[in-house]
Each structure stands twice: as C-alpha cells, then as structure tokens.
Amino acid sequence: MVHPGRTATSRRPVWWWVRLGATAATLAVLVWRVGTGPFLDGVRTVDGRALAAAAGIAVLTTICGAWRWRVVARGLGVELALGPAVAAYYRSIFLNVALPGGVLGDLHRGISHGRRTRDVGRGLRAVAWERSAGQVVQVVLTVAVLLVAVSPVRAAMPFVAAALLVAAVGVVPAMRWRAGGRSRWARLRRAAARDLHDGLLARRAWAAIVLLSALVVAGHAITFLIAARTAGATAPASRMVPLALLVLLAAALPNVGGWGPREGVAAWAFAAAGLGASRGVATAVVYGVMVFAASLPGAVVLVAAWARGTRSPPELAWPLRRGGGVVAPQDGVQDV
C-alpha cells in the first residue's frame, strides 16, 4: 500500500517544480554575479519606519482587493460581506507569501468561499476573475507609464502596446460570441463569456474594478519606492516609478513566495538605469521583507480560525436569487 503523502508528492504538478527550479536558478545566478552582500544589506537596512509604512499601505490595498473580490463575486451571483472578505484576503496574502507557489492562498480563498456558498466552482471562478482583472489593469497601467517615462524598455513599449491592443480587439469579440454545441470547450467558453458579462463588464462593476485595481497597483508601487529609499537609492521618483512598475510586473511571473523573478528583474532594471545591480537586489529584498511583515495579520486570521476549531474565517457569503433577493443562511449559521 502506498503512503498517501508519498502519492501526493509523486503527483505534484510539473509547474510547481518549474517554479521552484526557476526561482533557485535565478537566485543562484544573482548570488554568483553580485554576491550575498546585497541580500544581507537588504535585510539589515529594513527599519521600523519602513515596516510601519508597509503595514499601513497594506491595509488600504487589502481593503481595495477585498472590495474588488466582493464586486466580482456579486456579479457572479454571490453576496460577499466586506469585513470577512478583508480577513480572508489577508489570510490569502500571507499564505501566498509564506508558502511555495505564490497562489496557494488564493486557491484556499476560492475553495473556502465556494464551500460557504455550496458551489466550489463559482467560488474559484470569482477569485480567478478577481485576480485576473487586477493583473490586466496592472499590465495596462505599467505599459502606459513605460510608454511615456524614461526606462530601460521604453523603445520596446510601442510594440508591446500594439500587441496588447491587437489581443484586446481579438479577445473581446471572441468572448461575446456564444459558442454552440455541447463540447467541453463550448461550455467553458459560454461560462467564461457569462462570467465576463455579469461579473466584470457589467455597468456597475467594471469602473469599480478598474479604480480599485489602480489603487492596489499604486499602493504596491509606493511600497517599492519606500523600499528603494530604505536600501539607499537616491534617484528621483520620476526615474524610480517606471522601475517599480516593471519589477512589480515581473513579480507576477512563476516564483516561490514572491522570490526569484522580482530580484532578477530588479537587478537588471537598476543596472540598465545606471543605479547598480546590487542596489536593485537590495531593494527587492527590502520590498520582500516589507511585504511579508505587512501580511502578518493574515497569520493572525489563521490562528484565530484554528482557535475557533474551524479552517476558515466566519461565514463569507450566501447565494443570491436571480431577482436580487438574498437566500437566508441555513443550518443555524448566523448572518454576518
């Protein structure tokens, strides 16, 4: 008989190992090129003021992210209370930062939400669309800034912007087209088109999603600028903002707990901007420490849930009727 833990390990997805290998290779190359000094300097230079600033900004970005999740979930037919949503969002951020993969917290958030609504598929879709919408806004804002600001990639930005425009022109009509047939692909396309129409592109949803996502990106960029100043970078904000957005975009690439591509791109971008690769690595390390410290309220949520003898925060949501009425919680669960 095969031990269950060994079976799960042997079936671990290939992409997980790809993430781990890419992160290890990136960090190994950086240590080989710049040494361990920038990593140690980044850790040593973090002070209480930087951590306090990161924690304060994280409160605002987490509320915006939870609110965005609430807007998307409501469009998919699920009402989501803001307070428990913020707690769940903090928990997911902490798990994303503390565990390998960078997405396990979001996966847990979607499954937990789905179990509360008795529809795991819809819970996972709400989280997936919410994070995807945020990344789309981040990409658009980053490309817009890099088009006009001086940066190492400014020459390539017109081509990137044109490619994004072509992709948008091609994707939007394709998603509006109602695929016929009963194949799995046709059902997936119909479900995606319905989710986009109801959850993201609805009249009262898309503007809020864009605004909230822009605030999240701005909060992360400000945190990065504080990290750069803490690491000793003295360049003006006009030079630092494009680098910050470029590094933050790279942080969305496959990583382990946020580490890997962020440090690699920071080293390259800072070197190309004349600020030094070592300074870029130190800034990325400071940023990573600040983000981890700011995510610690999520650990408090986990401990509180464990103390209550549950695996998730309080009741997150309840289904909506098509007519807009709320289905009352069942089995004695209190409304929140």
Protein backbone atom coordinates (compact mmCIF):
# COMPACT_ATOMS: atom_id res chain seq x y z
CA MET A 1 0.00 0.00 0.00
CA VAL A 2 1.36 3.40 -0.98
CA HIS A 3 1.50 6.03 1.72
CA PRO A 4 -0.93 8.91 0.95
CA GLY A 5 1.69 11.59 1.48
CA ARG A 6 4.07 9.90 -0.93
CA THR A 7 1.35 9.59 -3.52
CA ALA A 8 0.53 13.31 -3.28
CA THR A 9 4.20 14.19 -3.59
CA SER A 10 4.71 11.98 -6.61
CA ARG A 11 1.72 13.60 -8.31
CA ARG A 12 2.81 17.13 -7.60
CA PRO A 13 2.25 19.21 -10.78
CA VAL A 14 5.21 19.74 -13.05
CA TRP A 15 4.69 23.51 -13.00
CA TRP A 16 5.41 23.53 -9.25
CA TRP A 17 8.85 22.08 -9.88
CA VAL A 18 9.34 24.52 -12.76
CA ARG A 19 8.62 27.43 -10.41
CA LEU A 20 11.00 26.05 -7.78
CA GLY A 21 13.73 25.41 -10.33
CA ALA A 22 13.38 28.82 -11.98
CA THR A 23 13.48 30.60 -8.61
CA ALA A 24 16.52 28.64 -7.42
CA ALA A 25 18.33 29.26 -10.72
CA THR A 26 17.57 32.99 -10.67
CA LEU A 27 18.77 33.44 -7.10
CA ALA A 28 21.87 31.30 -7.78
CA VAL A 29 22.82 33.46 -10.78
CA LEU A 30 22.30 36.63 -8.75
CA VAL A 31 24.49 35.36 -5.91
CA TRP A 32 27.14 34.39 -8.46
CA ARG A 33 27.07 37.82 -10.14
CA VAL A 34 26.62 40.22 -7.20
CA GLY A 35 27.45 38.06 -4.19
CA THR A 36 25.49 37.69 -0.97
CA GLY A 37 26.17 41.28 0.13
CA PRO A 38 23.08 42.89 -1.45
CA PHE A 39 20.82 40.23 0.08
CA LEU A 40 22.31 40.75 3.55
CA ASP A 41 22.30 44.53 3.15
CA GLY A 42 18.64 44.43 2.17
CA VAL A 43 17.73 42.55 5.33
CA ARG A 44 19.89 44.75 7.58
CA THR A 45 18.60 48.07 6.26
CA VAL A 46 14.92 47.36 6.96
CA ASP A 47 13.81 49.55 9.84
CA GLY A 48 10.67 50.09 11.86
CA ARG A 49 9.51 53.07 9.82
CA ALA A 50 9.63 51.09 6.58
CA LEU A 51 7.73 48.19 8.13
CA ALA A 52 5.11 50.52 9.62
CA ALA A 53 4.64 52.25 6.27
CA ALA A 54 4.27 48.91 4.50
CA ALA A 55 1.72 47.73 7.05
CA GLY A 56 -0.33 50.91 6.70
CA ILE A 57 -0.33 50.80 2.91
CA ALA A 58 -1.20 47.09 3.03
CA VAL A 59 -4.36 47.87 4.99
CA LEU A 60 -5.57 50.08 2.15
CA THR A 61 -4.53 47.73 -0.68
CA THR A 62 -6.06 44.73 1.09
CA ILE A 63 -9.37 46.53 1.58
CA CYS A 64 -9.34 47.51 -2.11
CA GLY A 65 -8.55 43.92 -3.14
CA ALA A 66 -11.30 42.50 -0.93
CA TRP A 67 -13.75 45.08 -2.25
CA ARG A 68 -12.81 44.12 -5.82
CA TRP A 69 -13.41 40.47 -4.93
CA ARG A 70 -16.79 41.46 -3.49
CA VAL A 71 -17.77 43.28 -6.70
CA VAL A 72 -16.79 40.32 -8.91
CA ALA A 73 -18.44 37.76 -6.64
CA ARG A 74 -21.69 39.72 -6.55
CA GLY A 75 -21.70 39.81 -10.34
CA LEU A 76 -21.41 36.01 -10.33
CA GLY A 77 -24.42 35.74 -8.02
CA VAL A 78 -22.84 35.65 -4.57
CA GLU A 79 -23.11 38.32 -1.90
CA LEU A 80 -19.84 38.82 -0.01
CA ALA A 81 -19.57 40.74 3.26
CA LEU A 82 -16.65 43.18 3.25
CA GLY A 83 -15.33 42.54 6.78
CA PRO A 84 -14.91 38.76 6.45
CA ALA A 85 -13.68 39.28 2.88
CA VAL A 86 -10.85 41.51 4.16
CA ALA A 87 -9.90 38.86 6.73
CA ALA A 88 -9.92 36.15 4.06
CA TYR A 89 -7.87 38.36 1.72
CA TYR A 90 -5.26 38.96 4.41
CA ARG A 91 -5.08 35.22 5.01
CA SER A 92 -4.60 34.51 1.31
CA ILE A 93 -1.83 37.13 1.02
CA PHE A 94 0.02 35.59 3.96
CA LEU A 95 -0.26 32.09 2.51
CA ASN A 96 0.85 33.32 -0.92
CA VAL A 97 3.96 34.91 0.60
CA ALA A 98 4.78 32.20 3.14
CA LEU A 99 4.20 29.08 1.01
CA PRO A 100 5.83 27.96 -2.25
CA GLY A 101 3.89 28.61 -5.42
CA GLY A 102 2.56 32.09 -4.74
CA VAL A 103 -1.08 31.12 -5.43
CA LEU A 104 -1.97 28.68 -2.64
CA GLY A 105 -3.60 31.43 -0.60
CA ASP A 106 -5.87 32.40 -3.49
CA LEU A 107 -6.71 28.75 -4.07
CA HIS A 108 -7.63 28.33 -0.41
CA ARG A 109 -9.69 31.53 -0.51
CA GLY A 110 -11.64 30.33 -3.54
CA ILE A 111 -12.29 26.87 -2.14
CA SER A 112 -13.32 28.24 1.26
CA HIS A 113 -15.66 30.74 -0.36
CA GLY A 114 -17.10 28.03 -2.59
CA ARG A 115 -17.79 25.73 0.33
CA ARG A 116 -19.59 28.51 2.15
CA THR A 117 -21.81 29.09 -0.88
CA ARG A 118 -22.12 25.37 -1.62
CA ASP A 119 -20.58 25.99 -5.04
CA VAL A 120 -16.79 25.50 -5.08
CA GLY A 121 -16.60 26.08 -8.83
CA ARG A 122 -18.20 29.50 -8.55
CA GLY A 123 -16.01 30.40 -5.58
CA LEU A 124 -12.86 29.53 -7.50
CA ARG A 125 -14.08 31.42 -10.57
CA ALA A 126 -14.75 34.54 -8.53
CA VAL A 127 -11.21 34.54 -7.16
CA ALA A 128 -9.68 33.73 -10.56
CA TRP A 129 -11.57 36.55 -12.31
CA GLU A 130 -10.82 38.98 -9.49
CA ARG A 131 -7.06 38.32 -9.66
CA SER A 132 -7.07 38.28 -13.46
CA ALA A 133 -8.86 41.63 -13.61
CA GLY A 134 -6.30 43.12 -11.26
CA GLN A 135 -3.41 41.83 -13.34
CA VAL A 136 -4.95 43.16 -16.56
CA VAL A 137 -5.26 46.64 -15.04
CA GLN A 138 -1.69 46.36 -13.74
CA VAL A 139 -0.37 45.47 -17.20
CA VAL A 140 -2.25 48.31 -18.86
CA LEU A 141 -1.07 50.89 -16.30
CA THR A 142 2.51 49.62 -16.50
CA VAL A 143 2.60 49.78 -20.29
CA ALA A 144 1.01 53.25 -20.27
CA VAL A 145 3.65 54.59 -17.86
CA LEU A 146 6.54 52.89 -19.66
CA LEU A 147 5.36 54.38 -22.95
CA VAL A 148 5.99 57.94 -21.75
CA ALA A 149 8.54 57.61 -18.95
CA VAL A 150 12.27 57.04 -19.35
CA SER A 151 13.06 53.39 -18.66
CA PRO A 152 15.29 50.58 -19.98
CA VAL A 153 12.38 49.17 -22.00
CA ARG A 154 10.91 52.36 -23.43
CA ALA A 155 11.98 51.55 -27.01
CA ALA A 156 10.05 48.28 -26.96
CA MET A 157 6.87 49.66 -25.42
CA PRO A 158 5.14 50.77 -28.67
CA PHE A 159 5.34 47.19 -29.93
CA VAL A 160 4.07 45.83 -26.62
CA ALA A 161 1.19 48.31 -26.62
CA ALA A 162 0.29 47.38 -30.18
CA ALA A 163 0.33 43.67 -29.30
CA LEU A 164 -1.97 44.29 -26.33
CA LEU A 165 -4.36 46.29 -28.49
CA VAL A 166 -4.50 43.54 -31.11
CA ALA A 167 -5.10 40.95 -28.39
CA ALA A 168 -7.93 43.01 -26.90
CA VAL A 169 -9.54 43.54 -30.30
CA GLY A 170 -9.42 39.81 -30.91
CA VAL A 171 -10.45 38.56 -27.48
CA VAL A 172 -13.48 40.78 -26.81
CA PRO A 173 -15.49 39.71 -29.89
CA ALA A 174 -14.47 36.10 -29.31
CA MET A 175 -15.80 36.18 -25.74
CA ARG A 176 -19.07 37.78 -26.86
CA TRP A 177 -19.61 35.07 -29.43
CA ARG A 178 -21.92 32.43 -27.99
CA ALA A 179 -20.33 29.11 -28.88
CA GLY A 180 -22.79 26.41 -29.81
CA GLY A 181 -22.57 22.72 -29.14
CA ARG A 182 -22.19 20.62 -26.04
CA SER A 183 -18.45 20.02 -26.07
CA ARG A 184 -16.41 20.85 -23.01
CA TRP A 185 -14.69 23.70 -24.86
CA ALA A 186 -18.03 25.19 -25.89
CA ARG A 187 -19.34 25.02 -22.32
CA LEU A 188 -16.19 26.64 -20.99
CA ARG A 189 -16.44 29.48 -23.49
CA ARG A 190 -20.09 30.09 -22.67
CA ALA A 191 -19.31 30.08 -18.94
CA ALA A 192 -16.37 32.47 -19.41
CA ALA A 193 -18.45 34.83 -21.56
CA ARG A 194 -21.24 34.79 -18.98
CA ASP A 195 -18.80 35.47 -16.12
CA LEU A 196 -17.20 38.35 -18.01
CA HIS A 197 -20.55 39.88 -18.86
CA ASP A 198 -22.05 39.51 -15.39
CA GLY A 199 -19.00 39.76 -13.12
CA LEU A 200 -16.51 42.12 -14.75
CA LEU A 201 -18.04 44.10 -17.60
CA ALA A 202 -21.39 44.91 -16.01
CA ARG A 203 -22.24 48.62 -15.90
CA ARG A 204 -21.79 48.93 -12.14
CA ALA A 205 -18.79 46.60 -11.91
CA TRP A 206 -16.08 47.47 -14.40
CA ALA A 207 -15.45 51.05 -13.24
CA ALA A 208 -15.14 49.95 -9.61
CA ILE A 209 -12.82 47.09 -10.59
CA VAL A 210 -10.56 49.41 -12.58
CA LEU A 211 -10.42 52.03 -9.82
CA LEU A 212 -9.77 49.51 -7.04
CA SER A 213 -7.12 47.73 -9.10
CA ALA A 214 -5.38 51.03 -9.87
CA LEU A 215 -5.29 51.83 -6.15
CA VAL A 216 -3.77 48.42 -5.42
CA VAL A 217 -1.06 48.96 -8.04
CA ALA A 218 -0.35 52.45 -6.69
CA GLY A 219 -0.03 51.07 -3.15
CA HIS A 220 2.45 48.41 -4.23
CA ALA A 221 4.45 50.95 -6.23
CA ILE A 222 4.66 53.32 -3.25
CA THR A 223 5.80 50.43 -1.07
CA PHE A 224 8.53 49.66 -3.60
CA LEU A 225 9.65 53.29 -3.63
CA ILE A 226 9.92 53.21 0.17
CA ALA A 227 11.95 50.00 -0.13
CA ALA A 228 14.27 51.68 -2.63
CA ARG A 229 14.85 54.64 -0.34
CA THR A 230 15.45 52.29 2.58
CA ALA A 231 18.03 50.39 0.52
CA GLY A 232 19.85 53.62 -0.26
CA ALA A 233 18.58 54.54 -3.73
CA THR A 234 18.54 58.32 -4.16
CA ALA A 235 17.21 58.65 -7.72
CA PRO A 236 14.13 60.89 -8.14
CA ALA A 237 10.67 59.36 -8.19
CA SER A 238 10.36 60.09 -11.92
CA ARG A 239 13.13 57.53 -12.53
CA MET A 240 12.06 55.08 -9.84
CA VAL A 241 8.36 54.73 -10.67
CA PRO A 242 8.92 53.05 -14.09
CA LEU A 243 11.44 50.66 -12.50
CA ALA A 244 8.99 49.89 -9.69
CA LEU A 245 6.17 49.06 -12.09
CA LEU A 246 8.50 46.92 -14.20
CA VAL A 247 9.70 44.93 -11.19
CA LEU A 248 6.17 44.53 -9.82
CA LEU A 249 5.03 43.17 -13.16
CA ALA A 250 7.88 40.65 -13.12
CA ALA A 251 6.81 39.58 -9.63
CA ALA A 252 3.71 38.03 -11.22
CA LEU A 253 5.90 35.52 -13.08
CA PRO A 254 6.33 31.99 -11.65
CA ASN A 255 8.04 32.34 -8.27
CA VAL A 256 8.26 30.84 -4.82
CA GLY A 257 6.81 33.09 -2.14
CA GLY A 258 7.44 36.12 -4.34
CA TRP A 259 11.17 35.48 -4.65
CA GLY A 260 13.05 34.90 -7.89
CA PRO A 261 11.96 36.94 -10.93
CA ARG A 262 11.44 40.03 -8.75
CA GLU A 263 15.09 40.09 -7.68
CA GLY A 264 16.36 39.17 -11.14
CA VAL A 265 14.43 41.91 -12.95
CA ALA A 266 15.27 44.44 -10.22
CA ALA A 267 18.98 43.72 -10.68
CA TRP A 268 18.74 44.09 -14.46
CA ALA A 269 16.49 47.17 -14.43
CA PHE A 270 18.56 49.05 -11.86
CA ALA A 271 21.77 48.22 -13.70
CA ALA A 272 20.29 49.35 -17.04
CA ALA A 273 19.13 52.60 -15.41
CA GLY A 274 22.62 53.25 -14.05
CA LEU A 275 21.69 52.61 -10.42
CA GLY A 276 23.63 49.38 -9.97
CA ALA A 277 22.51 45.75 -9.94
CA SER A 278 23.42 45.37 -6.27
CA ARG A 279 21.12 48.26 -5.36
CA GLY A 280 18.32 46.63 -7.30
CA VAL A 281 18.74 43.31 -5.49
CA ALA A 282 18.87 45.05 -2.12
CA THR A 283 15.70 46.99 -2.95
CA ALA A 284 13.89 43.82 -3.97
CA VAL A 285 14.95 42.11 -0.74
CA VAL A 286 13.77 45.06 1.36
CA TYR A 287 10.47 45.02 -0.52
CA GLY A 288 10.09 41.28 0.10
CA VAL A 289 10.68 41.70 3.82
CA MET A 290 8.23 44.61 3.97
CA VAL A 291 5.54 42.64 2.13
CA PHE A 292 5.99 39.65 4.42
CA ALA A 293 5.73 41.82 7.54
CA ALA A 294 2.64 43.55 6.15
CA SER A 295 0.98 40.17 5.52
CA LEU A 296 1.29 39.01 9.14
CA PRO A 297 -2.32 39.96 10.02
CA GLY A 298 -3.19 37.01 7.77
CA ALA A 299 -1.34 34.75 10.21
CA VAL A 300 -3.50 36.18 12.99
CA VAL A 301 -6.59 35.23 10.96
CA LEU A 302 -5.26 31.69 10.61
CA VAL A 303 -4.55 31.39 14.33
CA ALA A 304 -7.98 32.79 15.19
CA ALA A 305 -9.64 30.28 12.86
CA TRP A 306 -7.64 27.46 14.42
CA ALA A 307 -8.63 28.63 17.91
CA ARG A 308 -12.30 28.51 16.88
CA GLY A 309 -11.81 24.98 15.65
CA THR A 310 -12.51 25.90 12.01
CA ARG A 311 -10.47 26.04 8.83
CA SER A 312 -11.67 29.39 7.53
CA PRO A 313 -12.84 32.84 8.67
CA PRO A 314 -16.50 33.49 9.59
CA GLU A 315 -19.28 32.97 7.08
CA LEU A 316 -18.16 34.78 3.93
CA ALA A 317 -21.12 34.77 1.64
CA TRP A 318 -24.53 33.49 0.73
CA PRO A 319 -26.10 32.89 -2.67
CA LEU A 320 -28.26 35.47 -4.39
CA ARG A 321 -31.53 34.76 -6.08
CA ARG A 322 -31.80 35.81 -9.68
CA GLY A 323 -34.24 38.50 -8.66
CA GLY A 324 -31.71 40.08 -6.33
CA GLY A 325 -33.05 38.68 -3.03
CA VAL A 326 -30.68 37.03 -0.58
CA VAL A 327 -31.08 33.37 0.34
CA ALA A 328 -31.02 33.18 4.12
CA PRO A 329 -28.18 31.18 5.73
CA GLN A 330 -29.14 27.67 6.67
CA ASP A 331 -28.24 25.16 9.36
CA GLY A 332 -28.22 27.77 12.10
CA VAL A 333 -25.36 29.80 10.58
CA GLN A 334 -25.52 33.40 11.72
CA ASP A 335 -25.69 36.20 9.19
CA VAL A 336 -22.60 38.46 9.12
